[in-house]
Amino acid sequence: MTTPARLHKEDFEALSEFRYQLRRFIRFSEEAAQGEGLTPLQYLLMLHIKGFPGREWASIGELAERLQSQHHGVVALVTRCEKAGLVSRTQDDKDKRLVQVHLTTSGEQYLQRLAALHRDELHSLSNVFQVSHISAFNDRD
């Protein structure tokens, strides 16, 4: 087992700044979702459906991984979003055990508005989310 490189004051400052700006972005995201009458998790669920690589839907298991949540918690979230008209569930044609979660037209509209706000906010923070200058990542002693 190798000993990690010793961290320097600049490393702590850079890590602190990164976490601070990350938390600011998350807070912005929470407030933006709530401003649309959604919970932050509803926004994230819709984002992960739309942003799933290569297709326009995601399974409960895939969403649980993306949200870093338990399967049963995501089932409950999908149920709430379905009742709110944001998503719909369909059974996979090939594998009947697989449930596909799709955005509805309403969900797509909410997501478009929120994602545009998030893109603009993230763009304004683009210089903040560069951590390559942290000496621990550059193997400096």
N, C-alpha and C. Protein backbone atom coordinates (compact mmCIF):
# COMPACT_ATOMS: atom_id res chain seq x y z
N MET A 1 0.84 -1.18 0.00
CA MET A 1 0.00 0.00 0.00
C MET A 1 0.88 1.24 0.00
N THR A 2 0.66 2.13 -0.94
CA THR A 2 1.48 3.32 -1.03
C THR A 2 0.93 4.42 -0.14
N THR A 3 1.83 5.21 0.36
CA THR A 3 1.44 6.34 1.20
C THR A 3 1.04 7.49 0.28
N PRO A 4 -0.12 8.09 0.54
CA PRO A 4 -0.54 9.22 -0.31
C PRO A 4 0.42 10.39 -0.17
N ALA A 5 0.55 11.15 -1.24
CA ALA A 5 1.41 12.33 -1.21
C ALA A 5 0.89 13.30 -0.15
N ARG A 6 1.81 13.97 0.52
CA ARG A 6 1.44 14.94 1.55
C ARG A 6 0.76 16.13 0.90
N LEU A 7 -0.36 16.54 1.50
CA LEU A 7 -1.09 17.69 0.98
C LEU A 7 -0.50 18.98 1.53
N HIS A 8 -0.58 20.01 0.73
CA HIS A 8 -0.07 21.32 1.09
C HIS A 8 -1.24 22.28 1.27
N LYS A 9 -0.96 23.43 1.84
CA LYS A 9 -1.99 24.44 2.10
C LYS A 9 -2.80 24.76 0.84
N GLU A 10 -2.11 24.88 -0.30
CA GLU A 10 -2.82 25.19 -1.55
C GLU A 10 -3.81 24.09 -1.92
N ASP A 11 -3.46 22.84 -1.59
CA ASP A 11 -4.36 21.72 -1.88
C ASP A 11 -5.65 21.85 -1.10
N PHE A 12 -5.51 22.17 0.19
CA PHE A 12 -6.70 22.34 1.02
C PHE A 12 -7.54 23.53 0.54
N GLU A 13 -6.88 24.61 0.15
CA GLU A 13 -7.59 25.76 -0.36
C GLU A 13 -8.34 25.41 -1.65
N ALA A 14 -7.69 24.68 -2.54
CA ALA A 14 -8.32 24.31 -3.82
C ALA A 14 -9.48 23.35 -3.58
N LEU A 15 -9.29 22.38 -2.70
CA LEU A 15 -10.37 21.44 -2.40
C LEU A 15 -11.54 22.15 -1.72
N SER A 16 -11.23 23.05 -0.82
CA SER A 16 -12.27 23.82 -0.14
C SER A 16 -13.04 24.67 -1.14
N GLU A 17 -12.34 25.35 -2.03
CA GLU A 17 -13.00 26.19 -3.02
C GLU A 17 -13.87 25.35 -3.95
N PHE A 18 -13.36 24.21 -4.37
CA PHE A 18 -14.14 23.32 -5.24
C PHE A 18 -15.43 22.88 -4.56
N ARG A 19 -15.31 22.43 -3.30
CA ARG A 19 -16.51 21.98 -2.57
C ARG A 19 -17.48 23.13 -2.34
N TYR A 20 -16.95 24.32 -2.06
CA TYR A 20 -17.79 25.49 -1.88
C TYR A 20 -18.57 25.80 -3.16
N GLN A 21 -17.89 25.84 -4.29
CA GLN A 21 -18.55 26.16 -5.54
C GLN A 21 -19.51 25.04 -5.97
N LEU A 22 -19.14 23.80 -5.68
CA LEU A 22 -20.03 22.68 -5.97
C LEU A 22 -21.32 22.81 -5.16
N ARG A 23 -21.18 23.14 -3.88
CA ARG A 23 -22.35 23.32 -3.02
C ARG A 23 -23.19 24.50 -3.49
N ARG A 24 -22.56 25.57 -3.95
CA ARG A 24 -23.31 26.71 -4.50
C ARG A 24 -24.12 26.29 -5.72
N PHE A 25 -23.51 25.48 -6.58
CA PHE A 25 -24.21 25.01 -7.77
C PHE A 25 -25.39 24.11 -7.38
N ILE A 26 -25.18 23.23 -6.42
CA ILE A 26 -26.25 22.34 -5.97
C ILE A 26 -27.39 23.16 -5.36
N ARG A 27 -27.03 24.16 -4.57
CA ARG A 27 -28.07 25.03 -3.99
C ARG A 27 -28.84 25.76 -5.08
N PHE A 28 -28.11 26.28 -6.07
CA PHE A 28 -28.77 26.91 -7.21
C PHE A 28 -29.75 25.93 -7.86
N SER A 29 -29.31 24.71 -8.06
CA SER A 29 -30.14 23.69 -8.70
C SER A 29 -31.40 23.40 -7.88
N GLU A 30 -31.22 23.27 -6.57
CA GLU A 30 -32.37 23.02 -5.69
C GLU A 30 -33.39 24.15 -5.78
N GLU A 31 -32.90 25.38 -5.72
CA GLU A 31 -33.79 26.54 -5.77
C GLU A 31 -34.46 26.68 -7.14
N ALA A 32 -33.74 26.37 -8.21
CA ALA A 32 -34.33 26.46 -9.55
C ALA A 32 -35.46 25.44 -9.70
N ALA A 33 -35.23 24.22 -9.24
CA ALA A 33 -36.28 23.19 -9.31
C ALA A 33 -37.49 23.60 -8.49
N GLN A 34 -37.25 24.07 -7.28
CA GLN A 34 -38.35 24.48 -6.42
C GLN A 34 -39.11 25.66 -7.02
N GLY A 35 -38.40 26.53 -7.74
CA GLY A 35 -39.03 27.65 -8.42
C GLY A 35 -40.00 27.21 -9.51
N GLU A 36 -39.80 26.02 -10.03
CA GLU A 36 -40.70 25.44 -11.04
C GLU A 36 -41.77 24.56 -10.40
N GLY A 37 -41.76 24.47 -9.07
CA GLY A 37 -42.73 23.64 -8.37
C GLY A 37 -42.34 22.17 -8.32
N LEU A 38 -41.07 21.88 -8.54
CA LEU A 38 -40.56 20.51 -8.52
C LEU A 38 -39.61 20.33 -7.35
N THR A 39 -39.39 19.10 -6.96
CA THR A 39 -38.35 18.82 -5.99
C THR A 39 -37.02 18.66 -6.74
N PRO A 40 -35.91 18.87 -6.06
CA PRO A 40 -34.62 18.64 -6.72
C PRO A 40 -34.49 17.21 -7.27
N LEU A 41 -35.01 16.22 -6.56
CA LEU A 41 -34.94 14.85 -7.05
C LEU A 41 -35.79 14.63 -8.30
N GLN A 42 -36.91 15.30 -8.40
CA GLN A 42 -37.72 15.19 -9.61
C GLN A 42 -36.94 15.73 -10.81
N TYR A 43 -36.28 16.86 -10.61
CA TYR A 43 -35.45 17.42 -11.68
C TYR A 43 -34.34 16.44 -12.07
N LEU A 44 -33.64 15.91 -11.08
CA LEU A 44 -32.55 14.99 -11.37
C LEU A 44 -33.03 13.74 -12.08
N LEU A 45 -34.16 13.20 -11.65
CA LEU A 45 -34.71 12.02 -12.31
C LEU A 45 -34.95 12.32 -13.79
N MET A 46 -35.60 13.44 -14.08
CA MET A 46 -35.88 13.79 -15.48
C MET A 46 -34.59 14.02 -16.27
N LEU A 47 -33.62 14.68 -15.64
CA LEU A 47 -32.33 14.91 -16.29
C LEU A 47 -31.66 13.59 -16.65
N HIS A 48 -31.68 12.64 -15.74
CA HIS A 48 -31.03 11.35 -15.99
C HIS A 48 -31.78 10.51 -17.02
N ILE A 49 -33.07 10.69 -17.12
CA ILE A 49 -33.82 10.00 -18.18
C ILE A 49 -33.39 10.57 -19.53
N LYS A 50 -33.47 11.88 -19.66
CA LYS A 50 -33.15 12.54 -20.93
C LYS A 50 -31.66 12.39 -21.26
N GLY A 51 -30.83 12.41 -20.25
CA GLY A 51 -29.39 12.35 -20.47
C GLY A 51 -28.82 10.95 -20.53
N PHE A 52 -29.66 9.92 -20.47
CA PHE A 52 -29.12 8.57 -20.50
C PHE A 52 -28.52 8.31 -21.88
N PRO A 53 -27.30 7.80 -21.93
CA PRO A 53 -26.60 7.64 -23.20
C PRO A 53 -27.32 6.70 -24.18
N GLY A 54 -27.51 7.20 -25.39
CA GLY A 54 -27.95 6.36 -26.49
C GLY A 54 -29.44 6.09 -26.63
N ARG A 55 -30.26 6.60 -25.71
CA ARG A 55 -31.70 6.39 -25.85
C ARG A 55 -32.47 7.43 -25.05
N GLU A 56 -33.78 7.44 -25.22
CA GLU A 56 -34.65 8.45 -24.61
C GLU A 56 -35.37 7.94 -23.36
N TRP A 57 -34.92 6.87 -22.77
CA TRP A 57 -35.53 6.33 -21.57
C TRP A 57 -34.44 5.69 -20.72
N ALA A 58 -34.82 5.36 -19.49
CA ALA A 58 -33.90 4.66 -18.60
C ALA A 58 -34.71 3.70 -17.74
N SER A 59 -34.07 2.66 -17.27
CA SER A 59 -34.73 1.71 -16.38
C SER A 59 -34.62 2.19 -14.93
N ILE A 60 -35.42 1.61 -14.07
CA ILE A 60 -35.37 1.96 -12.65
C ILE A 60 -33.96 1.70 -12.10
N GLY A 61 -33.38 0.57 -12.43
CA GLY A 61 -32.04 0.25 -11.95
C GLY A 61 -31.00 1.25 -12.42
N GLU A 62 -31.08 1.66 -13.67
CA GLU A 62 -30.15 2.66 -14.20
C GLU A 62 -30.34 4.00 -13.50
N LEU A 63 -31.58 4.36 -13.25
CA LEU A 63 -31.84 5.61 -12.54
C LEU A 63 -31.36 5.55 -11.10
N ALA A 64 -31.52 4.40 -10.47
CA ALA A 64 -31.03 4.23 -9.10
C ALA A 64 -29.51 4.44 -9.05
N GLU A 65 -28.81 3.90 -10.03
CA GLU A 65 -27.36 4.09 -10.10
C GLU A 65 -27.01 5.56 -10.32
N ARG A 66 -27.67 6.20 -11.26
CA ARG A 66 -27.38 7.61 -11.55
C ARG A 66 -27.69 8.51 -10.36
N LEU A 67 -28.75 8.19 -9.64
CA LEU A 67 -29.14 8.99 -8.48
C LEU A 67 -28.42 8.56 -7.21
N GLN A 68 -27.68 7.43 -7.30
CA GLN A 68 -27.01 6.87 -6.13
C GLN A 68 -28.02 6.62 -5.01
N SER A 69 -29.14 6.00 -5.38
CA SER A 69 -30.24 5.74 -4.46
C SER A 69 -30.61 4.27 -4.49
N GLN A 70 -31.41 3.87 -3.53
CA GLN A 70 -31.90 2.50 -3.47
C GLN A 70 -33.02 2.30 -4.50
N HIS A 71 -33.11 1.10 -5.02
CA HIS A 71 -34.11 0.76 -6.03
C HIS A 71 -35.52 1.14 -5.59
N HIS A 72 -35.89 0.75 -4.37
CA HIS A 72 -37.26 1.02 -3.90
C HIS A 72 -37.53 2.52 -3.77
N GLY A 73 -36.52 3.30 -3.43
CA GLY A 73 -36.68 4.75 -3.35
C GLY A 73 -36.93 5.36 -4.71
N VAL A 74 -36.26 4.83 -5.73
CA VAL A 74 -36.45 5.34 -7.09
C VAL A 74 -37.83 4.94 -7.61
N VAL A 75 -38.30 3.75 -7.26
CA VAL A 75 -39.65 3.33 -7.65
C VAL A 75 -40.66 4.33 -7.08
N ALA A 76 -40.49 4.70 -5.82
CA ALA A 76 -41.40 5.67 -5.19
C ALA A 76 -41.30 7.04 -5.87
N LEU A 77 -40.10 7.47 -6.21
CA LEU A 77 -39.91 8.75 -6.89
C LEU A 77 -40.57 8.73 -8.27
N VAL A 78 -40.38 7.64 -9.00
CA VAL A 78 -41.01 7.52 -10.33
C VAL A 78 -42.53 7.55 -10.19
N THR A 79 -43.06 6.88 -9.17
CA THR A 79 -44.51 6.89 -8.95
C THR A 79 -45.01 8.31 -8.70
N ARG A 80 -44.30 9.08 -7.88
CA ARG A 80 -44.69 10.47 -7.63
C ARG A 80 -44.61 11.31 -8.91
N CYS A 81 -43.55 11.09 -9.68
CA CYS A 81 -43.40 11.84 -10.93
C CYS A 81 -44.45 11.44 -11.96
N GLU A 82 -44.83 10.19 -11.94
CA GLU A 82 -45.88 9.72 -12.85
C GLU A 82 -47.22 10.37 -12.48
N LYS A 83 -47.51 10.44 -11.19
CA LYS A 83 -48.75 11.08 -10.74
C LYS A 83 -48.76 12.58 -11.07
N ALA A 84 -47.57 13.19 -11.09
CA ALA A 84 -47.46 14.61 -11.42
C ALA A 84 -47.46 14.85 -12.93
N GLY A 85 -47.49 13.78 -13.72
CA GLY A 85 -47.52 13.91 -15.17
C GLY A 85 -46.17 14.19 -15.81
N LEU A 86 -45.10 13.92 -15.09
CA LEU A 86 -43.75 14.22 -15.60
C LEU A 86 -43.13 13.06 -16.36
N VAL A 87 -43.47 11.84 -15.98
CA VAL A 87 -42.90 10.65 -16.60
C VAL A 87 -43.99 9.61 -16.83
N SER A 88 -43.67 8.65 -17.65
CA SER A 88 -44.55 7.50 -17.84
C SER A 88 -43.69 6.24 -17.83
N ARG A 89 -44.34 5.14 -17.48
CA ARG A 89 -43.65 3.84 -17.45
C ARG A 89 -44.25 2.95 -18.53
N THR A 90 -43.38 2.20 -19.19
CA THR A 90 -43.83 1.19 -20.13
C THR A 90 -43.00 -0.07 -19.94
N GLN A 91 -43.60 -1.17 -20.26
CA GLN A 91 -42.90 -2.45 -20.17
C GLN A 91 -42.08 -2.63 -21.44
N ASP A 92 -40.88 -3.13 -21.30
CA ASP A 92 -40.01 -3.38 -22.44
C ASP A 92 -40.63 -4.47 -23.32
N ASP A 93 -40.58 -4.27 -24.64
CA ASP A 93 -41.15 -5.24 -25.57
C ASP A 93 -40.46 -6.59 -25.51
N LYS A 94 -39.14 -6.58 -25.35
CA LYS A 94 -38.36 -7.82 -25.38
C LYS A 94 -38.26 -8.49 -24.02
N ASP A 95 -38.05 -7.69 -22.98
CA ASP A 95 -37.89 -8.22 -21.62
C ASP A 95 -39.00 -7.66 -20.75
N LYS A 96 -40.02 -8.43 -20.52
CA LYS A 96 -41.20 -7.97 -19.78
C LYS A 96 -40.89 -7.59 -18.33
N ARG A 97 -39.75 -8.03 -17.82
CA ARG A 97 -39.36 -7.66 -16.44
C ARG A 97 -38.81 -6.24 -16.38
N LEU A 98 -38.40 -5.70 -17.51
CA LEU A 98 -37.77 -4.38 -17.58
C LEU A 98 -38.82 -3.30 -17.76
N VAL A 99 -38.77 -2.29 -16.92
CA VAL A 99 -39.67 -1.14 -17.02
C VAL A 99 -38.88 0.04 -17.56
N GLN A 100 -39.38 0.61 -18.63
CA GLN A 100 -38.78 1.81 -19.22
C GLN A 100 -39.46 3.04 -18.63
N VAL A 101 -38.67 4.02 -18.23
CA VAL A 101 -39.22 5.28 -17.72
C VAL A 101 -38.92 6.35 -18.77
N HIS A 102 -39.98 6.99 -19.25
CA HIS A 102 -39.90 8.00 -20.30
C HIS A 102 -40.38 9.35 -19.76
N LEU A 103 -39.89 10.42 -20.33
CA LEU A 103 -40.43 11.74 -20.03
C LEU A 103 -41.74 11.94 -20.79
N THR A 104 -42.67 12.62 -20.17
CA THR A 104 -43.88 13.05 -20.86
C THR A 104 -43.59 14.40 -21.52
N THR A 105 -44.52 14.89 -22.29
CA THR A 105 -44.37 16.21 -22.90
C THR A 105 -44.21 17.28 -21.82
N SER A 106 -44.99 17.18 -20.77
CA SER A 106 -44.90 18.13 -19.66
C SER A 106 -43.53 18.03 -18.97
N GLY A 107 -43.08 16.82 -18.73
CA GLY A 107 -41.77 16.63 -18.12
C GLY A 107 -40.66 17.20 -18.98
N GLU A 108 -40.77 16.99 -20.27
CA GLU A 108 -39.79 17.52 -21.23
C GLU A 108 -39.75 19.05 -21.17
N GLN A 109 -40.91 19.70 -21.05
CA GLN A 109 -40.97 21.16 -20.99
C GLN A 109 -40.31 21.69 -19.72
N TYR A 110 -40.62 21.07 -18.58
CA TYR A 110 -39.96 21.45 -17.33
C TYR A 110 -38.45 21.29 -17.45
N LEU A 111 -38.05 20.15 -17.98
CA LEU A 111 -36.62 19.85 -18.07
C LEU A 111 -35.91 20.83 -18.99
N GLN A 112 -36.51 21.18 -20.11
CA GLN A 112 -35.87 22.13 -21.03
C GLN A 112 -35.60 23.46 -20.33
N ARG A 113 -36.59 23.96 -19.60
CA ARG A 113 -36.42 25.25 -18.89
C ARG A 113 -35.31 25.14 -17.84
N LEU A 114 -35.38 24.10 -17.02
CA LEU A 114 -34.41 23.96 -15.94
C LEU A 114 -33.00 23.67 -16.45
N ALA A 115 -32.90 22.83 -17.46
CA ALA A 115 -31.57 22.50 -17.99
C ALA A 115 -30.90 23.73 -18.60
N ALA A 116 -31.68 24.59 -19.24
CA ALA A 116 -31.11 25.82 -19.79
C ALA A 116 -30.55 26.71 -18.68
N LEU A 117 -31.29 26.82 -17.59
CA LEU A 117 -30.79 27.60 -16.44
C LEU A 117 -29.51 26.98 -15.88
N HIS A 118 -29.50 25.67 -15.75
CA HIS A 118 -28.33 24.97 -15.22
C HIS A 118 -27.12 25.11 -16.14
N ARG A 119 -27.35 25.02 -17.43
CA ARG A 119 -26.24 25.18 -18.38
C ARG A 119 -25.62 26.56 -18.24
N ASP A 120 -26.45 27.59 -18.14
CA ASP A 120 -25.94 28.95 -18.00
C ASP A 120 -25.17 29.12 -16.69
N GLU A 121 -25.71 28.58 -15.61
CA GLU A 121 -25.03 28.67 -14.31
C GLU A 121 -23.71 27.92 -14.33
N LEU A 122 -23.71 26.75 -14.90
CA LEU A 122 -22.47 25.96 -14.97
C LEU A 122 -21.44 26.66 -15.83
N HIS A 123 -21.88 27.28 -16.91
CA HIS A 123 -20.96 28.03 -17.76
C HIS A 123 -20.30 29.16 -16.97
N SER A 124 -21.07 29.81 -16.11
CA SER A 124 -20.50 30.90 -15.32
C SER A 124 -19.49 30.40 -14.30
N LEU A 125 -19.54 29.12 -13.98
CA LEU A 125 -18.60 28.53 -13.02
C LEU A 125 -17.49 27.71 -13.69
N SER A 126 -17.35 27.81 -14.99
CA SER A 126 -16.44 26.93 -15.72
C SER A 126 -15.01 27.01 -15.22
N ASN A 127 -14.55 28.16 -14.78
CA ASN A 127 -13.18 28.27 -14.27
C ASN A 127 -13.03 27.64 -12.89
N VAL A 128 -14.11 27.54 -12.15
CA VAL A 128 -14.06 27.02 -10.79
C VAL A 128 -13.85 25.50 -10.80
N PHE A 129 -14.44 24.81 -11.74
CA PHE A 129 -14.42 23.36 -11.75
C PHE A 129 -13.21 22.79 -12.48
N GLN A 130 -12.07 23.42 -12.29
CA GLN A 130 -10.81 22.90 -12.81
C GLN A 130 -9.93 22.58 -11.62
N VAL A 131 -9.64 21.30 -11.41
CA VAL A 131 -8.89 20.90 -10.22
C VAL A 131 -7.50 20.41 -10.56
N SER A 132 -7.06 20.56 -11.79
CA SER A 132 -5.77 20.01 -12.20
C SER A 132 -4.60 20.66 -11.46
N HIS A 133 -4.81 21.84 -10.90
CA HIS A 133 -3.72 22.51 -10.20
C HIS A 133 -3.52 21.99 -8.77
N ILE A 134 -4.35 21.09 -8.31
CA ILE A 134 -4.19 20.54 -6.97
C ILE A 134 -2.94 19.67 -6.96
N SER A 135 -1.99 20.01 -6.13
CA SER A 135 -0.69 19.36 -6.17
C SER A 135 -0.76 17.86 -5.90
N ALA A 136 -1.69 17.43 -5.07
CA ALA A 136 -1.81 15.99 -4.79
C ALA A 136 -2.11 15.20 -6.05
N PHE A 137 -2.82 15.85 -6.97
CA PHE A 137 -3.15 15.17 -8.23
C PHE A 137 -1.98 15.24 -9.21
N ASN A 138 -1.02 16.09 -8.92
CA ASN A 138 0.16 16.22 -9.78
C ASN A 138 1.36 15.49 -9.19
N ASP A 139 1.14 14.66 -8.17
CA ASP A 139 2.20 13.86 -7.54
C ASP A 139 3.37 14.69 -7.04
N ARG A 140 3.07 15.86 -6.50
CA ARG A 140 4.11 16.71 -5.94
C ARG A 140 4.24 16.40 -4.46
N ASP A 141 5.41 16.37 -3.93
CA ASP A 141 5.62 16.18 -2.49
C ASP A 141 5.75 17.45 -1.78
